[in-house]
Amino acid sequence: MVFEQIIQGRSRNFAYLFASCPGGSGFVVDPGPDPVPDRLLEIIRDLRAGVKAIILTHHHTDHVAGTVALAAATGAAVHAHAETARLLSGRVRVDRLLVDGAMLRWEENLSAVVLATPGHAPGSICLVVNDTWLVTGDTLFIGDCGRTDLPEGDAAALFRSLQRLKELPDHLAVCPGHDYGPVLIRRLDEEKEHNPALQAADLAAFNAIP
């Protein structure tokens, strides 16, 4: 099993590479800047990973700018929520629309479940990969959560999405969309204990978080 977390760009975005094994099939989440950073391409090449899919957690440019170039380099199909596809129309062609609860499988030991988690953006999704990793994009960070003061942001929707994430198993490793926290990855039970966004009892308390 291959798992790579790659920091890239001025906004310290994370791209993720998952593959069944070195030389096996897999996918990239949020390729980030354009041009695609050399580090990501080097890792794909060195691991001989067959990138079959590029999954976009939402439509913001810092996460998706390199999508077209990476798809051309790898032949991967682009996957995203319908709202993300709508907001990217004319910039990125989405080959497969993702719906809440969809199970994606590449090889016997590599699968992901799609969770629709709107709020930061209307098409935001999270992924539970192999019942081990929780890839959260800009929905949940280490110690914080995504902004809702950007166009299409919705604080009430984000609060509901975070409540949904709280119900997931404690052992999942939270893999955020940016390097904004004290650590790069943290277990979900630790986020529940330390993250104010997950501790808010109601929407009013959530909106009161500085």
Protein backbone atom coordinates (compact mmCIF):
# COMPACT_ATOMS: atom_id res chain seq x y z
CA MET A 1 0.00 0.00 0.00
CA VAL A 2 1.28 3.46 -0.95
CA PHE A 3 0.30 6.68 0.83
CA GLU A 4 2.03 9.98 0.08
CA GLN A 5 1.21 13.44 1.43
CA ILE A 6 2.89 16.15 -0.65
CA ILE A 7 3.10 19.82 0.42
CA GLN A 8 3.06 22.21 -2.50
CA GLY A 9 2.37 25.81 -3.48
CA ARG A 10 2.41 29.09 -1.59
CA SER A 11 -0.77 28.15 0.26
CA ARG A 12 0.89 24.97 1.56
CA ASN A 13 -1.67 22.73 -0.07
CA PHE A 14 -1.54 19.00 0.36
CA ALA A 15 -1.86 16.66 -2.60
CA TYR A 16 -2.33 12.97 -1.80
CA LEU A 17 -1.29 9.89 -3.72
CA PHE A 18 -2.77 6.50 -2.90
CA ALA A 19 -1.80 3.32 -4.74
CA SER A 20 -2.34 -0.37 -4.11
CA CYS A 21 1.41 -0.98 -4.09
CA PRO A 22 4.55 0.32 -5.84
CA GLY A 23 3.75 -0.25 -9.50
CA GLY A 24 0.04 -0.60 -8.76
CA SER A 25 -3.03 1.43 -9.61
CA GLY A 26 -4.16 4.41 -7.59
CA PHE A 27 -5.39 7.98 -7.50
CA VAL A 28 -4.37 11.53 -6.67
CA VAL A 29 -6.45 13.91 -4.57
CA ASP A 30 -6.23 17.66 -5.31
CA PRO A 31 -3.16 17.98 -7.56
CA GLY A 32 -2.79 21.66 -6.67
CA PRO A 33 -0.83 24.27 -8.64
CA ASP A 34 -0.22 24.58 -12.36
CA PRO A 35 2.34 23.63 -13.50
CA VAL A 36 2.08 20.41 -11.52
CA PRO A 37 4.92 20.46 -8.97
CA ASP A 38 7.90 18.35 -9.94
CA ARG A 39 7.80 16.61 -6.56
CA LEU A 40 4.38 15.08 -7.26
CA LEU A 41 5.41 13.91 -10.72
CA GLU A 42 8.66 12.49 -9.35
CA ILE A 43 6.84 10.47 -6.70
CA ILE A 44 4.39 9.09 -9.26
CA ARG A 45 7.27 8.14 -11.54
CA ASP A 46 9.49 6.69 -8.80
CA LEU A 47 6.68 4.54 -7.43
CA ARG A 48 5.60 3.55 -10.94
CA ALA A 49 2.07 4.35 -9.80
CA GLY A 50 -0.65 3.97 -12.39
CA VAL A 51 -2.78 7.03 -11.64
CA LYS A 52 -6.27 6.08 -12.77
CA ALA A 53 -8.20 8.92 -11.14
CA ILE A 54 -7.79 12.51 -10.02
CA ILE A 55 -10.30 13.31 -7.28
CA LEU A 56 -11.11 16.95 -6.53
CA THR A 57 -12.38 17.78 -3.04
CA HIS A 58 -13.80 21.13 -4.25
CA HIS A 59 -13.39 23.72 -6.99
CA HIS A 60 -10.95 26.29 -5.54
CA THR A 61 -8.02 27.08 -7.79
CA ASP A 62 -5.26 26.24 -5.32
CA HIS A 63 -6.54 22.65 -5.27
CA VAL A 64 -7.40 22.11 -8.93
CA ALA A 65 -5.13 24.26 -11.12
CA GLY A 66 -2.86 21.36 -12.05
CA THR A 67 -5.70 18.97 -12.88
CA VAL A 68 -5.67 19.31 -16.66
CA ALA A 69 -1.89 18.92 -16.88
CA LEU A 70 -1.81 15.91 -14.55
CA ALA A 71 -4.66 14.24 -16.43
CA ALA A 72 -2.76 14.75 -19.69
CA ALA A 73 0.44 13.34 -18.17
CA THR A 74 -1.18 10.25 -16.64
CA GLY A 75 -4.35 9.58 -18.61
CA ALA A 76 -6.32 9.72 -15.37
CA ALA A 77 -10.05 10.43 -15.30
CA VAL A 78 -11.16 13.45 -13.27
CA HIS A 79 -13.71 12.76 -10.51
CA ALA A 80 -15.70 15.43 -8.64
CA HIS A 81 -19.08 16.29 -7.17
CA ALA A 82 -21.64 17.71 -9.59
CA GLU A 83 -21.46 21.15 -7.94
CA THR A 84 -17.69 21.17 -8.37
CA ALA A 85 -18.08 20.19 -12.01
CA ARG A 86 -20.55 23.04 -12.50
CA LEU A 87 -18.22 25.59 -10.93
CA LEU A 88 -15.27 24.32 -12.99
CA SER A 89 -17.17 24.30 -16.28
CA GLY A 90 -14.96 25.62 -19.06
CA ARG A 91 -11.77 25.13 -17.01
CA VAL A 92 -11.65 21.45 -16.06
CA ARG A 93 -13.57 18.60 -17.67
CA VAL A 94 -14.94 16.25 -15.03
CA ASP A 95 -15.22 12.68 -16.33
CA ARG A 96 -17.12 11.13 -13.42
CA LEU A 97 -19.59 12.77 -11.07
CA LEU A 98 -19.34 11.65 -7.46
CA VAL A 99 -22.37 11.23 -5.22
CA ASP A 100 -22.63 10.85 -1.49
CA GLY A 101 -21.95 7.28 -0.40
CA ALA A 102 -20.30 6.20 -3.65
CA MET A 103 -17.71 3.45 -3.30
CA LEU A 104 -14.68 3.78 -5.56
CA ARG A 105 -12.43 0.77 -6.05
CA TRP A 106 -9.21 0.39 -8.02
CA GLU A 107 -7.74 -2.88 -6.82
CA GLU A 108 -8.71 -5.35 -4.12
CA ASN A 109 -6.77 -3.46 -1.45
CA LEU A 110 -7.61 0.12 -2.45
CA SER A 111 -11.04 1.72 -2.12
CA ALA A 112 -12.60 5.00 -1.07
CA VAL A 113 -16.04 6.06 0.12
CA VAL A 114 -17.29 9.52 -0.89
CA LEU A 115 -18.89 11.79 1.70
CA ALA A 116 -20.63 14.96 0.54
CA THR A 117 -19.60 17.68 2.99
CA PRO A 118 -20.78 21.06 1.68
CA GLY A 119 -20.06 24.29 3.48
CA HIS A 120 -16.62 25.57 2.54
CA ALA A 121 -17.80 25.06 -1.04
CA PRO A 122 -21.08 23.59 -2.33
CA GLY A 123 -19.36 20.61 -3.93
CA SER A 124 -16.97 19.82 -1.09
CA ILE A 125 -16.37 16.13 -0.46
CA CYS A 126 -14.32 14.03 1.94
CA LEU A 127 -12.99 10.53 1.31
CA VAL A 128 -12.64 7.58 3.65
CA VAL A 129 -9.82 5.54 2.13
CA ASN A 130 -9.43 1.89 3.14
CA ASP A 131 -11.16 2.60 6.48
CA THR A 132 -7.84 4.18 7.51
CA TRP A 133 -7.53 7.71 6.13
CA LEU A 134 -10.06 10.55 6.15
CA VAL A 135 -9.12 13.00 3.40
CA THR A 136 -10.95 16.21 4.25
CA GLY A 137 -9.91 18.87 1.72
CA ASP A 138 -10.86 22.25 3.17
CA THR A 139 -13.78 20.92 5.22
CA LEU A 140 -11.68 20.00 8.26
CA PHE A 141 -8.13 21.05 9.13
CA ILE A 142 -5.96 20.01 12.04
CA GLY A 143 -7.35 22.14 14.84
CA ASP A 144 -9.66 24.19 12.62
CA CYS A 145 -12.07 24.04 9.67
CA GLY A 146 -12.53 25.66 6.30
CA ARG A 147 -13.65 29.24 5.75
CA THR A 148 -17.22 30.10 4.81
CA ASP A 149 -16.72 33.79 4.00
CA LEU A 150 -15.73 33.03 0.41
CA PRO A 151 -18.23 32.97 -2.48
CA GLU A 152 -20.55 29.95 -2.20
CA GLY A 153 -19.54 29.40 1.45
CA ASP A 154 -22.30 28.33 3.86
CA ALA A 155 -21.61 28.21 7.61
CA ALA A 156 -24.75 26.24 8.45
CA ALA A 157 -23.93 23.62 5.83
CA LEU A 158 -20.35 23.34 7.09
CA PHE A 159 -21.55 22.89 10.66
CA ARG A 160 -23.80 20.03 9.54
CA SER A 161 -20.95 18.48 7.57
CA LEU A 162 -18.65 18.62 10.59
CA GLN A 163 -21.33 16.99 12.73
CA ARG A 164 -21.39 14.19 10.20
CA LEU A 165 -17.61 13.77 10.37
CA LYS A 166 -17.84 13.54 14.16
CA GLU A 167 -19.85 10.33 13.74
CA LEU A 168 -17.06 8.57 11.86
CA PRO A 169 -14.76 6.06 13.60
CA ASP A 170 -12.18 7.54 15.96
CA HIS A 171 -9.26 5.66 14.43
CA LEU A 172 -9.39 7.45 11.07
CA ALA A 173 -6.35 9.60 10.26
CA VAL A 174 -7.44 13.13 9.29
CA CYS A 175 -5.59 14.22 6.15
CA PRO A 176 -6.41 17.90 5.54
CA GLY A 177 -6.13 20.07 2.45
CA HIS A 178 -3.53 22.46 3.88
CA ASP A 179 -0.58 22.44 6.27
CA TYR A 180 -2.24 24.81 8.74
CA GLY A 181 -1.99 22.83 11.96
CA PRO A 182 0.59 21.83 14.57
CA VAL A 183 0.94 18.41 12.92
CA LEU A 184 0.40 17.12 9.39
CA ILE A 185 -2.02 14.30 10.22
CA ARG A 186 -3.97 13.53 13.39
CA ARG A 187 -6.46 10.87 14.46
CA LEU A 188 -10.09 11.87 14.37
CA ASP A 189 -10.56 11.19 18.08
CA GLU A 190 -7.84 13.76 18.81
CA GLU A 191 -9.58 16.26 16.56
CA LYS A 192 -12.82 15.67 18.43
CA GLU A 193 -10.97 16.39 21.67
CA HIS A 194 -8.96 19.43 20.54
CA ASN A 195 -10.65 21.04 17.52
CA PRO A 196 -13.08 23.86 18.45
CA ALA A 197 -14.96 23.38 15.19
CA LEU A 198 -15.87 19.83 16.23
CA GLN A 199 -16.66 20.80 19.82
CA ALA A 200 -19.30 23.41 18.99
CA ALA A 201 -22.62 22.19 20.35
CA ASP A 202 -24.79 24.17 17.95
CA LEU A 203 -24.62 26.58 15.03
CA ALA A 204 -24.51 29.64 17.29
CA ALA A 205 -21.48 28.28 19.12
CA PHE A 206 -19.88 27.36 15.80
CA ASN A 207 -20.40 30.86 14.41
CA ALA A 208 -18.89 32.34 17.57
CA ILE A 209 -15.53 30.60 17.03
CA PRO A 210 -12.94 33.32 16.25
